[in-house]
Amino acid sequence: MIAAIDSILGSNNITIPPYGVGKVDVLIEKIAVENPRSTDETRTLDPKLYDSLSLPEKFTYNMIHPETYMQICSILPMREDEDKRIYGHLPNTFGEYGWSERQLIFFIKNRDTVSQLMKPVIEKSSKVGGNIKEAIVKMNGTELIPYLIDFYNREKKDHYILTVLMLLMKENQYGAFVNSFYYSKLYEPKSGEYGAYLNYNKANEDLIIQRATNFYNGLHKI
């Protein structure tokens, strides 16, 4: 485990890209924290140093080092029975930290390249880490839908991949999804949206995958 992740996030559900990771870790360790533990806290790499990184190195930096502190005022409920549920939202991967504006812009602006950088990292680690899932949703990475479905179908263990598929359909207001009972149950509850879930069963699994496939195919009609 690299020190930068250990000191900020822990690594239970983080995928660490290999691209220049040693160099990036050294740079992160030297970052001066501004306004620690306040709403203005930042852990930002100097712009000149950031700009000197190659695109793959920036990918590694952004994936393992959220720059902004965001205080959580209320405690999020614990997730239970994750193997038996399909949650509508991803778990809180970064705790009280989040990506800064420049980091979000990086993912969106370089979406195609980021998508290609993700795949070998996923294959090598045999998982889609929480940070990768978050990035896919933030950058609206719909081009990864077929790959995510293929990866999920290998073992059908990580139901949060299904969550990513649903969030992509939600973000793009895909009619067959947003007009469904599932959508209203997950994203329009009177309270406790973070904890809303569907029961995991083959029917729900198949429906999510089929609708995500139809959504993707509709985006790429000639």
C-alpha atoms as a PDB file:
ATOM      1  CA  MET A   1       0.000   0.000   0.000  1.00  0.00           C
ATOM      2  CA  ILE A   2       1.320   3.415  -0.827  1.00  0.00           C
ATOM      3  CA  ALA A   3       1.578   5.921   1.976  1.00  0.00           C
ATOM      4  CA  ALA A   4      -0.598   8.576   0.345  1.00  0.00           C
ATOM      5  CA  ILE A   5      -3.658   6.373   0.309  1.00  0.00           C
ATOM      6  CA  ASP A   6      -2.983   4.970   3.762  1.00  0.00           C
ATOM      7  CA  SER A   7      -2.872   8.433   5.302  1.00  0.00           C
ATOM      8  CA  ILE A   8      -6.030   9.791   3.718  1.00  0.00           C
ATOM      9  CA  LEU A   9      -8.441   7.097   2.654  1.00  0.00           C
ATOM     10  CA  GLY A  10      -7.516   3.597   3.621  1.00  0.00           C
ATOM     11  CA  SER A  11      -7.537   1.140   0.748  1.00  0.00           C
ATOM     12  CA  ASN A  12     -10.371  -1.326   1.297  1.00  0.00           C
ATOM     13  CA  ASN A  13     -12.178  -0.441  -1.902  1.00  0.00           C
ATOM     14  CA  ILE A  14      -9.648   1.641  -3.788  1.00  0.00           C
ATOM     15  CA  THR A  15      -8.028   0.506  -7.010  1.00  0.00           C
ATOM     16  CA  ILE A  16      -4.492   1.863  -7.370  1.00  0.00           C
ATOM     17  CA  PRO A  17      -3.408   2.500 -10.974  1.00  0.00           C
ATOM     18  CA  PRO A  18       0.212   1.588 -11.747  1.00  0.00           C
ATOM     19  CA  TYR A  19       0.971   4.529 -14.035  1.00  0.00           C
ATOM     20  CA  GLY A  20       3.847   6.397 -12.380  1.00  0.00           C
ATOM     21  CA  VAL A  21       2.497   5.467  -8.969  1.00  0.00           C
ATOM     22  CA  GLY A  22       5.871   5.761  -7.201  1.00  0.00           C
ATOM     23  CA  LYS A  23       6.474   9.240  -8.582  1.00  0.00           C
ATOM     24  CA  VAL A  24       2.926  10.321  -7.780  1.00  0.00           C
ATOM     25  CA  ASP A  25       3.140   8.987  -4.226  1.00  0.00           C
ATOM     26  CA  VAL A  26       6.283  11.039  -3.557  1.00  0.00           C
ATOM     27  CA  LEU A  27       4.568  14.192  -4.821  1.00  0.00           C
ATOM     28  CA  ILE A  28       1.470  13.577  -2.711  1.00  0.00           C
ATOM     29  CA  GLU A  29       3.554  13.078   0.422  1.00  0.00           C
ATOM     30  CA  LYS A  30       5.055  16.562  -0.054  1.00  0.00           C
ATOM     31  CA  ILE A  31       1.731  18.380  -0.416  1.00  0.00           C
ATOM     32  CA  ALA A  32       1.111  21.025   2.231  1.00  0.00           C
ATOM     33  CA  VAL A  33      -2.397  20.819   3.641  1.00  0.00           C
ATOM     34  CA  GLU A  34      -4.163  24.182   3.679  1.00  0.00           C
ATOM     35  CA  ASN A  35      -6.821  24.959   6.317  1.00  0.00           C
ATOM     36  CA  PRO A  36      -6.825  21.446   7.798  1.00  0.00           C
ATOM     37  CA  ARG A  37     -10.176  20.003   8.849  1.00  0.00           C
ATOM     38  CA  SER A  38     -12.129  23.041   7.782  1.00  0.00           C
ATOM     39  CA  THR A  39     -14.580  23.438   4.927  1.00  0.00           C
ATOM     40  CA  ASP A  40     -11.771  25.171   3.041  1.00  0.00           C
ATOM     41  CA  GLU A  41      -9.259  22.351   3.482  1.00  0.00           C
ATOM     42  CA  THR A  42      -7.375  21.429   0.327  1.00  0.00           C
ATOM     43  CA  ARG A  43      -4.627  18.936  -0.400  1.00  0.00           C
ATOM     44  CA  THR A  44      -3.731  20.301  -3.800  1.00  0.00           C
ATOM     45  CA  LEU A  45      -0.624  19.560  -5.808  1.00  0.00           C
ATOM     46  CA  ASP A  46       1.111  22.687  -7.094  1.00  0.00           C
ATOM     47  CA  PRO A  47      -0.309  23.526 -10.553  1.00  0.00           C
ATOM     48  CA  LYS A  48       3.118  23.453 -12.209  1.00  0.00           C
ATOM     49  CA  LEU A  49       3.875  20.014 -10.790  1.00  0.00           C
ATOM     50  CA  TYR A  50       0.415  18.793 -11.749  1.00  0.00           C
ATOM     51  CA  ASP A  51       0.814  20.070 -15.302  1.00  0.00           C
ATOM     52  CA  SER A  52       4.210  18.361 -15.556  1.00  0.00           C
ATOM     53  CA  LEU A  53       2.612  14.939 -15.085  1.00  0.00           C
ATOM     54  CA  SER A  54       1.778  12.824 -18.093  1.00  0.00           C
ATOM     55  CA  LEU A  55      -1.879  12.052 -18.682  1.00  0.00           C
ATOM     56  CA  PRO A  56      -1.570   8.508 -17.235  1.00  0.00           C
ATOM     57  CA  GLU A  57       0.237   9.939 -14.188  1.00  0.00           C
ATOM     58  CA  LYS A  58      -2.519  12.511 -13.708  1.00  0.00           C
ATOM     59  CA  PHE A  59      -4.995   9.639 -13.873  1.00  0.00           C
ATOM     60  CA  THR A  60      -3.144   7.862 -11.066  1.00  0.00           C
ATOM     61  CA  TYR A  61      -2.926  11.044  -8.987  1.00  0.00           C
ATOM     62  CA  ASN A  62      -6.597  11.849  -9.353  1.00  0.00           C
ATOM     63  CA  MET A  63      -7.723   8.293  -8.679  1.00  0.00           C
ATOM     64  CA  ILE A  64      -5.847   8.002  -5.390  1.00  0.00           C
ATOM     65  CA  HIS A  65      -5.831  11.577  -4.096  1.00  0.00           C
ATOM     66  CA  PRO A  66      -9.100  13.535  -3.823  1.00  0.00           C
ATOM     67  CA  GLU A  67      -7.999  17.097  -3.181  1.00  0.00           C
ATOM     68  CA  THR A  68     -10.966  18.594  -1.349  1.00  0.00           C
ATOM     69  CA  TYR A  69     -12.270  18.063   2.187  1.00  0.00           C
ATOM     70  CA  MET A  70     -16.052  17.985   2.443  1.00  0.00           C
ATOM     71  CA  GLN A  71     -17.425  17.691   5.954  1.00  0.00           C
ATOM     72  CA  ILE A  72     -20.310  15.246   6.264  1.00  0.00           C
ATOM     73  CA  CYS A  73     -22.864  16.758   8.633  1.00  0.00           C
ATOM     74  CA  SER A  74     -24.953  13.618   9.082  1.00  0.00           C
ATOM     75  CA  ILE A  75     -23.745  10.050   9.456  1.00  0.00           C
ATOM     76  CA  LEU A  76     -24.615   7.880   6.480  1.00  0.00           C
ATOM     77  CA  PRO A  77     -26.331   4.593   7.370  1.00  0.00           C
ATOM     78  CA  MET A  78     -24.261   1.440   7.300  1.00  0.00           C
ATOM     79  CA  ARG A  79     -24.750  -0.748   4.261  1.00  0.00           C
ATOM     80  CA  GLU A  80     -26.034  -4.214   5.126  1.00  0.00           C
ATOM     81  CA  ASP A  81     -26.481  -7.447   3.151  1.00  0.00           C
ATOM     82  CA  GLU A  82     -24.737  -6.023   0.103  1.00  0.00           C
ATOM     83  CA  ASP A  83     -24.648  -9.464  -1.485  1.00  0.00           C
ATOM     84  CA  LYS A  84     -28.455  -9.579  -1.322  1.00  0.00           C
ATOM     85  CA  ARG A  85     -29.193  -6.027  -2.438  1.00  0.00           C
ATOM     86  CA  ILE A  86     -28.753  -3.739  -5.421  1.00  0.00           C
ATOM     87  CA  TYR A  87     -28.363  -0.232  -4.045  1.00  0.00           C
ATOM     88  CA  GLY A  88     -29.342   2.836  -6.024  1.00  0.00           C
ATOM     89  CA  HIS A  89     -26.279   4.774  -4.917  1.00  0.00           C
ATOM     90  CA  LEU A  90     -22.631   3.888  -4.560  1.00  0.00           C
ATOM     91  CA  PRO A  91     -21.145   3.681  -1.065  1.00  0.00           C
ATOM     92  CA  ASN A  92     -19.087   6.599   0.166  1.00  0.00           C
ATOM     93  CA  THR A  93     -15.661   5.643  -1.147  1.00  0.00           C
ATOM     94  CA  PHE A  94     -13.711   8.727  -0.110  1.00  0.00           C
ATOM     95  CA  GLY A  95     -15.134   9.483   3.315  1.00  0.00           C
ATOM     96  CA  GLU A  96     -14.996  13.237   3.881  1.00  0.00           C
ATOM     97  CA  TYR A  97     -12.848  13.893   0.822  1.00  0.00           C
ATOM     98  CA  GLY A  98     -13.860  14.509  -2.761  1.00  0.00           C
ATOM     99  CA  TRP A  99     -12.477  15.412  -6.139  1.00  0.00           C
ATOM    100  CA  SER A 100     -11.760  19.079  -6.780  1.00  0.00           C
ATOM    101  CA  GLU A 101     -13.057  20.971  -9.795  1.00  0.00           C
ATOM    102  CA  ARG A 102      -9.839  20.461 -11.750  1.00  0.00           C
ATOM    103  CA  GLN A 103      -9.946  16.739 -11.033  1.00  0.00           C
ATOM    104  CA  LEU A 104     -13.527  16.418 -12.236  1.00  0.00           C
ATOM    105  CA  ILE A 105     -12.645  18.416 -15.350  1.00  0.00           C
ATOM    106  CA  PHE A 106      -9.762  16.009 -15.979  1.00  0.00           C
ATOM    107  CA  PHE A 107     -12.072  12.986 -15.992  1.00  0.00           C
ATOM    108  CA  ILE A 108     -14.655  14.654 -18.220  1.00  0.00           C
ATOM    109  CA  LYS A 109     -12.213  16.249 -20.667  1.00  0.00           C
ATOM    110  CA  ASN A 110     -10.141  13.071 -21.055  1.00  0.00           C
ATOM    111  CA  ARG A 111     -13.017  10.610 -20.856  1.00  0.00           C
ATOM    112  CA  ASP A 112     -12.010   8.426 -23.807  1.00  0.00           C
ATOM    113  CA  THR A 113      -8.417   8.053 -22.640  1.00  0.00           C
ATOM    114  CA  VAL A 114      -9.436   7.557 -19.014  1.00  0.00           C
ATOM    115  CA  SER A 115     -11.789   4.766 -20.074  1.00  0.00           C
ATOM    116  CA  GLN A 116      -8.927   2.998 -21.827  1.00  0.00           C
ATOM    117  CA  LEU A 117      -6.592   3.480 -18.858  1.00  0.00           C
ATOM    118  CA  MET A 118      -9.167   1.938 -16.536  1.00  0.00           C
ATOM    119  CA  LYS A 119      -9.540  -1.387 -18.317  1.00  0.00           C
ATOM    120  CA  PRO A 120      -6.057  -2.886 -17.723  1.00  0.00           C
ATOM    121  CA  VAL A 121      -6.190  -1.659 -14.118  1.00  0.00           C
ATOM    122  CA  ILE A 122      -9.499  -3.460 -13.610  1.00  0.00           C
ATOM    123  CA  GLU A 123      -8.221  -6.620 -15.275  1.00  0.00           C
ATOM    124  CA  LYS A 124      -5.040  -6.712 -13.218  1.00  0.00           C
ATOM    125  CA  SER A 125      -6.811  -6.135  -9.901  1.00  0.00           C
ATOM    126  CA  SER A 126      -9.831  -8.295 -10.827  1.00  0.00           C
ATOM    127  CA  LYS A 127     -12.174  -5.660  -9.426  1.00  0.00           C
ATOM    128  CA  VAL A 128     -13.813  -2.364 -10.240  1.00  0.00           C
ATOM    129  CA  GLY A 129     -12.707  -0.309  -7.252  1.00  0.00           C
ATOM    130  CA  GLY A 130     -14.937   2.278  -5.644  1.00  0.00           C
ATOM    131  CA  ASN A 131     -12.829   5.114  -7.030  1.00  0.00           C
ATOM    132  CA  ILE A 132     -13.160   3.723 -10.561  1.00  0.00           C
ATOM    133  CA  LYS A 133     -16.921   3.379 -10.191  1.00  0.00           C
ATOM    134  CA  GLU A 134     -17.157   6.965  -8.928  1.00  0.00           C
ATOM    135  CA  ALA A 135     -15.077   8.256 -11.836  1.00  0.00           C
ATOM    136  CA  ILE A 136     -17.192   6.398 -14.405  1.00  0.00           C
ATOM    137  CA  VAL A 137     -20.334   8.011 -13.032  1.00  0.00           C
ATOM    138  CA  LYS A 138     -18.776  11.486 -12.701  1.00  0.00           C
ATOM    139  CA  MET A 139     -17.489  11.483 -16.276  1.00  0.00           C
ATOM    140  CA  ASN A 140     -20.683   9.882 -17.634  1.00  0.00           C
ATOM    141  CA  GLY A 141     -18.668   7.002 -19.066  1.00  0.00           C
ATOM    142  CA  THR A 142     -21.431   5.348 -21.077  1.00  0.00           C
ATOM    143  CA  GLU A 143     -18.900   3.853 -23.493  1.00  0.00           C
ATOM    144  CA  LEU A 144     -17.866   1.486 -20.692  1.00  0.00           C
ATOM    145  CA  ILE A 145     -21.323  -0.099 -20.358  1.00  0.00           C
ATOM    146  CA  PRO A 146     -20.561  -3.211 -22.492  1.00  0.00           C
ATOM    147  CA  TYR A 147     -17.263  -3.742 -20.683  1.00  0.00           C
ATOM    148  CA  LEU A 148     -18.874  -3.368 -17.252  1.00  0.00           C
ATOM    149  CA  ILE A 149     -21.602  -5.857 -18.157  1.00  0.00           C
ATOM    150  CA  ASP A 150     -19.034  -8.340 -19.441  1.00  0.00           C
ATOM    151  CA  PHE A 151     -16.917  -7.954 -16.308  1.00  0.00           C
ATOM    152  CA  TYR A 152     -19.932  -8.294 -14.032  1.00  0.00           C
ATOM    153  CA  ASN A 153     -21.127 -11.447 -15.778  1.00  0.00           C
ATOM    154  CA  ARG A 154     -17.860 -13.246 -15.061  1.00  0.00           C
ATOM    155  CA  GLU A 155     -18.713 -13.727 -11.391  1.00  0.00           C
ATOM    156  CA  LYS A 156     -21.842 -11.665 -10.658  1.00  0.00           C
ATOM    157  CA  LYS A 157     -20.537 -10.731  -7.225  1.00  0.00           C
ATOM    158  CA  ASP A 158     -20.115  -6.961  -7.263  1.00  0.00           C
ATOM    159  CA  HIS A 159     -23.672  -5.645  -7.423  1.00  0.00           C
ATOM    160  CA  TYR A 160     -22.373  -2.086  -7.314  1.00  0.00           C
ATOM    161  CA  ILE A 161     -21.498  -2.505 -10.984  1.00  0.00           C
ATOM    162  CA  LEU A 162     -25.256  -2.728 -11.528  1.00  0.00           C
ATOM    163  CA  THR A 163     -25.530   0.466  -9.479  1.00  0.00           C
ATOM    164  CA  VAL A 164     -23.155   2.189 -11.901  1.00  0.00           C
ATOM    165  CA  LEU A 165     -25.283   1.069 -14.850  1.00  0.00           C
ATOM    166  CA  MET A 166     -28.399   2.496 -13.199  1.00  0.00           C
ATOM    167  CA  LEU A 167     -26.697   5.779 -12.328  1.00  0.00           C
ATOM    168  CA  LEU A 168     -25.582   6.202 -15.945  1.00  0.00           C
ATOM    169  CA  MET A 169     -29.156   5.642 -17.130  1.00  0.00           C
ATOM    170  CA  LYS A 170     -30.394   8.072 -14.474  1.00  0.00           C
ATOM    171  CA  GLU A 171     -27.839  10.730 -15.402  1.00  0.00           C
ATOM    172  CA  ASN A 172     -28.878  10.532 -19.046  1.00  0.00           C
ATOM    173  CA  GLN A 173     -32.604  10.370 -18.243  1.00  0.00           C
ATOM    174  CA  TYR A 174     -33.124   7.160 -20.200  1.00  0.00           C
ATOM    175  CA  GLY A 175     -36.907   6.946 -20.507  1.00  0.00           C
ATOM    176  CA  ALA A 176     -37.313   3.192 -20.103  1.00  0.00           C
ATOM    177  CA  PHE A 177     -35.481   3.464 -16.796  1.00  0.00           C
ATOM    178  CA  VAL A 178     -36.595   6.779 -15.311  1.00  0.00           C
ATOM    179  CA  ASN A 179     -40.258   5.943 -15.957  1.00  0.00           C
ATOM    180  CA  SER A 180     -39.992   2.564 -14.251  1.00  0.00           C
ATOM    181  CA  PHE A 181     -41.113   1.421 -10.824  1.00  0.00           C
ATOM    182  CA  TYR A 182     -37.476   0.648 -10.020  1.00  0.00           C
ATOM    183  CA  TYR A 183     -36.487   4.269 -10.569  1.00  0.00           C
ATOM    184  CA  SER A 184     -39.201   5.624  -8.291  1.00  0.00           C
ATOM    185  CA  LYS A 185     -38.246   3.152  -5.574  1.00  0.00           C
ATOM    186  CA  LEU A 186     -34.551   4.009  -5.723  1.00  0.00           C
ATOM    187  CA  TYR A 187     -34.473   7.706  -6.530  1.00  0.00           C
ATOM    188  CA  GLU A 188     -37.804   9.147  -5.438  1.00  0.00           C
ATOM    189  CA  PRO A 189     -38.289   7.867  -1.888  1.00  0.00           C
ATOM    190  CA  LYS A 190     -39.752  10.176   0.734  1.00  0.00           C
ATOM    191  CA  SER A 191     -36.609   9.734   2.821  1.00  0.00           C
ATOM    192  CA  GLY A 192     -33.424   7.704   2.987  1.00  0.00           C
ATOM    193  CA  GLU A 193     -32.487   7.744  -0.693  1.00  0.00           C
ATOM    194  CA  TYR A 194     -28.895   6.718   0.121  1.00  0.00           C
ATOM    195  CA  GLY A 195     -30.148   3.473   1.632  1.00  0.00           C
ATOM    196  CA  ALA A 196     -32.735   2.650  -1.045  1.00  0.00           C
ATOM    197  CA  TYR A 197     -32.209  -0.691  -2.752  1.00  0.00           C
ATOM    198  CA  LEU A 198     -33.728  -3.468  -4.841  1.00  0.00           C
ATOM    199  CA  ASN A 199     -33.601  -7.060  -3.741  1.00  0.00           C
ATOM    200  CA  TYR A 200     -30.934  -8.953  -5.605  1.00  0.00           C
ATOM    201  CA  ASN A 201     -32.460 -11.656  -7.768  1.00  0.00           C
ATOM    202  CA  LYS A 202     -32.058 -12.839 -11.323  1.00  0.00           C
ATOM    203  CA  ALA A 203     -35.106 -10.957 -12.577  1.00  0.00           C
ATOM    204  CA  ASN A 204     -33.857  -7.597 -11.284  1.00  0.00           C
ATOM    205  CA  GLU A 205     -30.323  -8.331 -12.435  1.00  0.00           C
ATOM    206  CA  ASP A 206     -31.456  -9.290 -15.942  1.00  0.00           C
ATOM    207  CA  LEU A 207     -33.708  -6.256 -16.249  1.00  0.00           C
ATOM    208  CA  ILE A 208     -30.985  -3.796 -15.267  1.00  0.00           C
ATOM    209  CA  ILE A 209     -28.511  -5.358 -17.684  1.00  0.00           C
ATOM    210  CA  GLN A 210     -31.047  -5.476 -20.516  1.00  0.00           C
ATOM    211  CA  ARG A 211     -32.098  -1.875 -20.040  1.00  0.00           C
ATOM    212  CA  ALA A 212     -28.483  -0.733 -19.830  1.00  0.00           C
ATOM    213  CA  THR A 213     -27.745  -2.661 -23.034  1.00  0.00           C
ATOM    214  CA  ASN A 214     -30.716  -1.083 -24.798  1.00  0.00           C
ATOM    215  CA  PHE A 215     -29.664   2.343 -23.527  1.00  0.00           C
ATOM    216  CA  TYR A 216     -26.126   1.863 -24.826  1.00  0.00           C
ATOM    217  CA  ASN A 217     -27.312   0.553 -28.199  1.00  0.00           C
ATOM    218  CA  GLY A 218     -29.593   3.562 -28.551  1.00  0.00           C
ATOM    219  CA  LEU A 219     -26.632   5.880 -28.065  1.00  0.00           C
ATOM    220  CA  HIS A 220     -24.735   4.229 -30.893  1.00  0.00           C
ATOM    221  CA  LYS A 221     -27.352   3.822 -33.609  1.00  0.00           C
ATOM    222  CA  ILE A 222     -26.011   4.627 -37.042  1.00  0.00           C
END
